[in-house]
Amino acid sequence: MRTLAVCLSVALSTWAVPEHASLQTFRISTDAVVVDVSVRDGRRPVVDLGASDFALFDNGVAQEIDSVEIAPTVIDVTAVMDVSGSASPFASWILTGIRQLQGLLTAEDGAVLVLVGRQVRGAMTPADQAWLSSPPLIGDGGTHIFDAITASAMKATEPGRRHLIVAFTDGLDTRSVIPAETRQDVLRHSNAVIEIFAVSAGGRTNASGTVWIGGPDAGRVETVGDYNYVLSSIADAAGGQFYDMRPSDSAAGRLNELISLFRQHYLLRFRPVGVKAGGWHTLKVSVKKGRYEVVARRGYERSQ
């Protein structure tokens, strides 16, 4: 397997406020575990639920919730912007989405802009920051969009904050080197939620060719035309959604909804019972009654 040779230098653009955390794993060393959860009914955040309304499972074992609090929160947003050559026909659409997302953030929110083409980089230089001021001329060859999203998901989430990754892309990937199995495992263990807005004129499923994930010797390929499937699997693994967009579609409504949803969340506290103390713990949270959309922390690393 080839080593990932992509340099992710995540820095702040002019629309961002200071970044907060280095890469680390969320760990629990005490008895109590706190889980942040958002609940939505259609377009409306649900803010009147109690402990008895939730069902929570730790590694498949039902747990008793000790307390539930609800409070607004600040969020950390990573915007992943596709600047590859294939995305150039949709440069204005992608830039509009970035600006709409920018307009929904407050001074207390954290924000990082990641540009992805043949390289993955933070928007550090004045030339990079100019991407936000006018429709850019995109011509950066292929793209590492799968790798960029995966690397962004490795960022730590500080207590009291939530991490949202929003990717704007044409959905094509020709250069990613992280094996699909590794990528999905990273995303399942991340506490980030990923939303992907992929724009095309007529769909991305009629091209031909092969993308080697991990190199030709890795034995794993994702054929050109599987992009919708891959992008959907990335969003699903991280508790988000994939949106197949057209240039006439606007992402503004959904962006406003998901940011509003992220700002209102519950804090569920429980003491794990019937599960081993060490290692990774997968969490599953649902509302017992009603058909609600629930977004929750996917798990935690617990010390012995």
Protein backbone atom coordinates (compact mmCIF):
# COMPACT_ATOMS: atom_id res chain seq x y z
CA MET A 1 0.00 0.00 0.00
CA ARG A 2 1.37 3.39 -0.88
CA THR A 3 1.68 5.90 1.89
CA LEU A 4 -0.65 8.86 1.66
CA ALA A 5 1.51 11.66 0.33
CA VAL A 6 -1.04 14.41 0.60
CA CYS A 7 -0.08 17.42 2.71
CA LEU A 8 -3.04 18.75 4.62
CA SER A 9 -2.05 22.15 5.96
CA VAL A 10 -5.28 23.30 7.56
CA ALA A 11 -5.08 27.03 8.15
CA LEU A 12 -7.52 29.88 8.46
CA SER A 13 -8.86 32.03 5.68
CA THR A 14 -9.96 35.62 6.10
CA TRP A 15 -13.50 34.52 6.95
CA ALA A 16 -12.38 32.28 9.81
CA VAL A 17 -11.85 32.72 13.52
CA PRO A 18 -9.02 30.93 15.38
CA GLU A 19 -8.81 27.18 15.05
CA HIS A 20 -8.94 25.35 18.33
CA ALA A 21 -7.74 21.78 18.59
CA SER A 22 -4.95 19.57 17.30
CA LEU A 23 -5.60 16.01 16.15
CA GLN A 24 -6.59 13.71 18.98
CA THR A 25 -9.13 11.09 19.96
CA PHE A 26 -12.07 11.91 22.22
CA ARG A 27 -11.42 9.83 25.36
CA ILE A 28 -13.43 9.14 28.51
CA SER A 29 -11.51 8.25 31.68
CA THR A 30 -14.28 8.81 34.23
CA ASP A 31 -17.50 6.90 34.77
CA ALA A 32 -19.79 9.47 33.16
CA VAL A 33 -20.12 9.84 29.40
CA VAL A 34 -21.63 12.94 27.78
CA VAL A 35 -23.18 12.60 24.33
CA ASP A 36 -24.22 15.61 22.23
CA VAL A 37 -27.38 15.03 20.18
CA SER A 38 -29.46 17.13 17.78
CA VAL A 39 -33.05 16.24 16.91
CA ARG A 40 -35.11 17.68 14.08
CA ASP A 41 -38.71 17.26 12.97
CA GLY A 42 -38.69 18.22 9.31
CA ARG A 43 -37.13 21.69 9.29
CA ARG A 44 -37.76 22.39 12.97
CA PRO A 45 -35.29 21.61 15.77
CA VAL A 46 -36.96 19.61 18.55
CA VAL A 47 -36.11 21.09 21.95
CA ASP A 48 -38.67 19.63 24.38
CA LEU A 49 -37.46 16.04 24.91
CA GLY A 50 -36.48 14.44 28.21
CA ALA A 51 -34.36 11.45 29.25
CA SER A 52 -37.26 9.02 28.87
CA ASP A 53 -37.73 10.04 25.23
CA PHE A 54 -34.30 8.79 24.14
CA ALA A 55 -32.95 5.30 23.55
CA LEU A 56 -29.15 5.02 23.85
CA PHE A 57 -26.98 2.00 23.12
CA ASP A 58 -23.29 1.62 23.96
CA ASN A 59 -21.70 -1.16 21.88
CA GLY A 60 -25.18 -2.55 21.35
CA VAL A 61 -26.09 -2.57 25.07
CA ALA A 62 -29.02 -0.40 26.17
CA GLN A 63 -28.04 2.28 28.71
CA GLU A 64 -29.97 4.33 31.23
CA ILE A 65 -29.70 8.06 30.66
CA ASP A 66 -29.05 9.91 33.92
CA SER A 67 -29.80 13.44 32.72
CA VAL A 68 -30.58 15.54 29.65
CA GLU A 69 -29.78 19.21 29.17
CA ILE A 70 -30.34 21.40 26.15
CA ALA A 71 -28.30 24.43 25.26
CA PRO A 72 -27.15 26.38 22.22
CA THR A 73 -23.57 25.71 21.16
CA VAL A 74 -20.83 27.13 19.04
CA ILE A 75 -19.66 25.06 16.12
CA ASP A 76 -16.46 24.42 14.19
CA VAL A 77 -16.99 24.26 10.42
CA THR A 78 -14.54 22.92 7.87
CA ALA A 79 -15.50 23.94 4.34
CA VAL A 80 -13.89 21.68 1.70
CA MET A 81 -13.75 23.45 -1.68
CA ASP A 82 -13.05 21.47 -4.86
CA VAL A 83 -10.66 23.47 -7.07
CA SER A 84 -9.89 20.72 -9.60
CA GLY A 85 -10.04 21.14 -13.35
CA SER A 86 -13.24 19.11 -13.70
CA ALA A 87 -14.98 21.45 -11.25
CA SER A 88 -14.20 24.60 -13.28
CA PRO A 89 -17.61 24.72 -15.05
CA PHE A 90 -19.22 24.95 -11.61
CA ALA A 91 -16.79 27.43 -10.01
CA SER A 92 -19.44 30.11 -9.43
CA TRP A 93 -21.88 27.60 -7.92
CA ILE A 94 -19.25 26.22 -5.54
CA LEU A 95 -18.10 29.72 -4.54
CA THR A 96 -21.71 30.76 -3.87
CA GLY A 97 -22.12 27.80 -1.54
CA ILE A 98 -18.96 28.76 0.37
CA ARG A 99 -20.19 32.34 0.75
CA GLN A 100 -23.64 31.19 1.91
CA LEU A 101 -22.03 29.00 4.53
CA GLN A 102 -19.78 31.85 5.61
CA GLY A 103 -22.79 34.11 6.12
CA LEU A 104 -24.36 31.69 8.60
CA LEU A 105 -21.41 31.66 11.01
CA THR A 106 -20.82 33.90 14.01
CA ALA A 107 -17.66 35.33 15.50
CA GLU A 108 -17.70 32.58 18.13
CA ASP A 109 -17.74 29.78 15.56
CA GLY A 110 -14.54 28.21 14.28
CA ALA A 111 -14.03 28.07 10.51
CA VAL A 112 -11.45 26.45 8.25
CA LEU A 113 -11.32 26.53 4.46
CA VAL A 114 -9.63 23.58 2.72
CA LEU A 115 -8.83 23.76 -1.00
CA VAL A 116 -8.50 20.43 -2.77
CA GLY A 117 -7.21 19.60 -6.22
CA ARG A 118 -3.95 17.81 -6.96
CA GLN A 119 -2.97 18.93 -3.46
CA VAL A 120 -4.93 19.44 -0.26
CA ARG A 121 -4.15 22.71 1.48
CA GLY A 122 -5.52 25.34 3.78
CA ALA A 123 -6.32 28.79 2.39
CA MET A 124 -3.18 30.44 3.70
CA THR A 125 -1.91 32.93 1.13
CA PRO A 126 -3.52 36.10 -0.26
CA ALA A 127 -3.79 34.29 -3.60
CA ASP A 128 -5.67 31.44 -1.93
CA GLN A 129 -7.92 33.85 -0.05
CA ALA A 130 -8.88 35.46 -3.35
CA TRP A 131 -10.94 32.35 -4.04
CA LEU A 132 -13.57 33.93 -1.81
CA SER A 133 -13.68 37.29 -3.57
CA SER A 134 -14.48 36.34 -7.18
CA PRO A 135 -15.28 33.24 -9.25
CA PRO A 136 -11.88 31.55 -9.57
CA LEU A 137 -10.24 30.13 -12.64
CA ILE A 138 -10.01 26.47 -11.71
CA GLY A 139 -7.55 24.25 -13.52
CA ASP A 140 -5.72 22.19 -10.92
CA GLY A 141 -5.90 18.82 -12.66
CA GLY A 142 -7.29 15.89 -10.68
CA THR A 143 -8.56 15.91 -7.14
CA HIS A 144 -8.10 14.21 -3.77
CA ILE A 145 -11.64 15.02 -2.60
CA PHE A 146 -12.10 11.68 -0.75
CA ASP A 147 -8.74 12.14 1.00
CA ALA A 148 -9.45 15.78 1.88
CA ILE A 149 -12.76 14.96 3.56
CA THR A 150 -11.21 12.04 5.44
CA ALA A 151 -8.26 14.11 6.68
CA SER A 152 -10.58 16.92 7.76
CA ALA A 153 -12.57 14.42 9.85
CA MET A 154 -9.46 13.66 11.93
CA LYS A 155 -9.62 17.05 13.64
CA ALA A 156 -10.48 16.85 17.32
CA THR A 157 -13.76 18.18 18.68
CA GLU A 158 -13.41 20.19 21.87
CA PRO A 159 -15.95 19.74 24.68
CA GLY A 160 -18.88 22.08 24.20
CA ARG A 161 -18.25 22.44 20.47
CA ARG A 162 -19.35 20.44 17.43
CA HIS A 163 -17.50 19.83 14.18
CA LEU A 164 -19.31 20.05 10.84
CA ILE A 165 -17.61 19.35 7.50
CA VAL A 166 -19.31 20.75 4.40
CA ALA A 167 -17.85 19.77 1.03
CA PHE A 168 -18.64 21.54 -2.24
CA THR A 169 -17.51 19.50 -5.25
CA ASP A 170 -18.40 18.28 -8.72
CA GLY A 171 -18.15 14.77 -7.26
CA LEU A 172 -15.21 13.52 -9.33
CA ASP A 173 -12.11 12.01 -7.72
CA THR A 174 -9.08 10.77 -9.63
CA ARG A 175 -6.19 10.94 -7.16
CA SER A 176 -7.22 9.67 -3.72
CA VAL A 177 -4.90 7.09 -2.21
CA ILE A 178 -6.52 6.23 1.14
CA PRO A 179 -8.01 2.72 0.84
CA ALA A 180 -11.79 2.69 0.99
CA GLU A 181 -11.85 0.44 4.06
CA THR A 182 -9.46 2.74 5.94
CA ARG A 183 -11.41 5.81 4.91
CA GLN A 184 -14.72 4.41 6.14
CA ASP A 185 -13.16 3.29 9.42
CA VAL A 186 -11.75 6.79 10.03
CA LEU A 187 -15.12 8.39 9.29
CA ARG A 188 -17.06 6.01 11.55
CA HIS A 189 -14.73 6.84 14.43
CA SER A 190 -14.79 10.60 13.83
CA ASN A 191 -17.05 12.90 15.79
CA ALA A 192 -17.48 15.17 12.77
CA VAL A 193 -20.70 15.23 10.75
CA ILE A 194 -20.17 15.44 6.98
CA GLU A 195 -22.52 17.06 4.48
CA ILE A 196 -21.60 16.81 0.79
CA PHE A 197 -23.00 19.06 -1.95
CA ALA A 198 -21.99 17.63 -5.34
CA VAL A 199 -22.97 19.56 -8.46
CA SER A 200 -23.14 18.32 -12.06
CA ALA A 201 -24.97 19.18 -15.24
CA GLY A 202 -26.29 15.68 -15.91
CA GLY A 203 -25.07 13.26 -13.26
CA ARG A 204 -21.76 11.58 -12.59
CA THR A 205 -22.55 7.97 -13.48
CA ASN A 206 -21.85 7.79 -17.23
CA ALA A 207 -18.06 8.14 -17.39
CA SER A 208 -15.60 5.29 -17.83
CA GLY A 209 -12.29 4.39 -16.26
CA THR A 210 -10.83 3.22 -12.97
CA VAL A 211 -9.58 4.94 -9.83
CA TRP A 212 -7.08 2.89 -7.87
CA ILE A 213 -7.57 3.37 -4.14
CA GLY A 214 -4.31 2.69 -2.32
CA GLY A 215 -2.41 1.99 -5.56
CA PRO A 216 -2.72 -0.74 -8.20
CA ASP A 217 -1.21 -3.30 -5.84
CA ALA A 218 -3.86 -2.74 -3.16
CA GLY A 219 -6.44 -4.85 -4.98
CA ARG A 220 -9.20 -2.32 -4.42
CA VAL A 221 -10.72 -0.13 -7.12
CA GLU A 222 -13.59 2.31 -7.30
CA THR A 223 -14.63 2.75 -10.89
CA VAL A 224 -15.47 6.09 -12.40
CA GLY A 225 -19.25 6.27 -12.24
CA ASP A 226 -19.35 5.11 -8.60
CA TYR A 227 -18.89 8.62 -7.27
CA ASN A 228 -22.43 9.05 -6.03
CA TYR A 229 -22.13 5.76 -4.17
CA VAL A 230 -18.76 6.67 -2.65
CA LEU A 231 -19.84 10.16 -1.63
CA SER A 232 -23.04 8.79 -0.13
CA SER A 233 -21.09 6.19 1.83
CA ILE A 234 -18.75 8.91 3.15
CA ALA A 235 -21.68 11.03 4.36
CA ASP A 236 -23.52 8.02 5.80
CA ALA A 237 -20.48 6.89 7.79
CA ALA A 238 -20.25 10.33 9.41
CA GLY A 239 -23.95 10.84 10.13
CA GLY A 240 -24.53 13.36 7.35
CA GLN A 241 -26.13 13.46 3.91
CA PHE A 242 -25.12 13.58 0.25
CA TYR A 243 -26.91 16.01 -2.06
CA ASP A 244 -26.85 15.48 -5.84
CA MET A 245 -27.21 19.06 -7.07
CA ARG A 246 -27.60 20.81 -10.41
CA PRO A 247 -26.32 24.33 -11.26
CA SER A 248 -29.89 25.65 -10.99
CA ASP A 249 -30.24 24.29 -7.44
CA SER A 250 -29.44 26.37 -4.37
CA ALA A 251 -27.78 24.93 -1.27
CA ALA A 252 -28.84 27.93 0.85
CA GLY A 253 -31.95 26.39 2.39
CA ARG A 254 -30.28 23.18 3.48
CA LEU A 255 -27.21 25.04 4.78
CA ASN A 256 -29.43 27.24 6.93
CA GLU A 257 -31.29 24.19 8.26
CA LEU A 258 -28.22 22.19 9.17
CA ILE A 259 -26.47 25.12 10.86
CA SER A 260 -29.65 25.84 12.87
CA LEU A 261 -29.84 22.18 13.81
CA PHE A 262 -26.25 22.15 14.98
CA ARG A 263 -26.74 25.18 17.19
CA GLN A 264 -29.43 23.51 19.31
CA HIS A 265 -28.39 20.24 20.88
CA TYR A 266 -28.96 18.00 23.85
CA LEU A 267 -26.32 16.79 26.28
CA LEU A 268 -27.12 13.23 27.37
CA ARG A 269 -25.23 11.87 30.38
CA PHE A 270 -24.99 8.19 31.21
CA ARG A 271 -22.75 5.75 33.08
CA PRO A 272 -21.83 2.74 30.91
CA VAL A 273 -23.18 -0.55 32.25
CA GLY A 274 -22.60 -4.01 30.81
CA VAL A 275 -19.78 -3.01 28.44
CA LYS A 276 -16.01 -3.39 28.66
CA ALA A 277 -14.15 -0.36 29.95
CA GLY A 278 -11.38 -0.09 27.36
CA GLY A 279 -11.25 0.63 23.66
CA TRP A 280 -13.61 2.18 21.15
CA HIS A 281 -17.31 2.34 22.05
CA THR A 282 -19.90 2.78 19.31
CA LEU A 283 -22.94 4.82 20.31
CA LYS A 284 -26.41 4.73 18.81
CA VAL A 285 -29.03 7.26 19.86
CA SER A 286 -32.64 7.45 18.73
CA VAL A 287 -35.94 8.95 19.83
CA LYS A 288 -38.38 6.25 20.98
CA LYS A 289 -41.48 7.79 19.47
CA GLY A 290 -41.94 9.85 16.35
CA ARG A 291 -40.01 10.00 13.09
CA TYR A 292 -37.22 12.43 13.84
CA GLU A 293 -33.82 13.09 12.32
CA VAL A 294 -31.21 12.44 15.01
CA VAL A 295 -27.56 13.47 14.77
CA ALA A 296 -25.35 12.25 17.61
CA ARG A 297 -21.75 11.60 18.56
CA ARG A 298 -20.82 8.30 16.93
CA GLY A 299 -18.69 6.96 19.76
CA TYR A 300 -15.85 7.51 22.19
CA GLU A 301 -12.54 6.01 23.29
CA ARG A 302 -12.68 4.84 26.89
CA SER A 303 -9.61 4.23 29.04
CA GLN A 304 -9.26 1.14 31.18
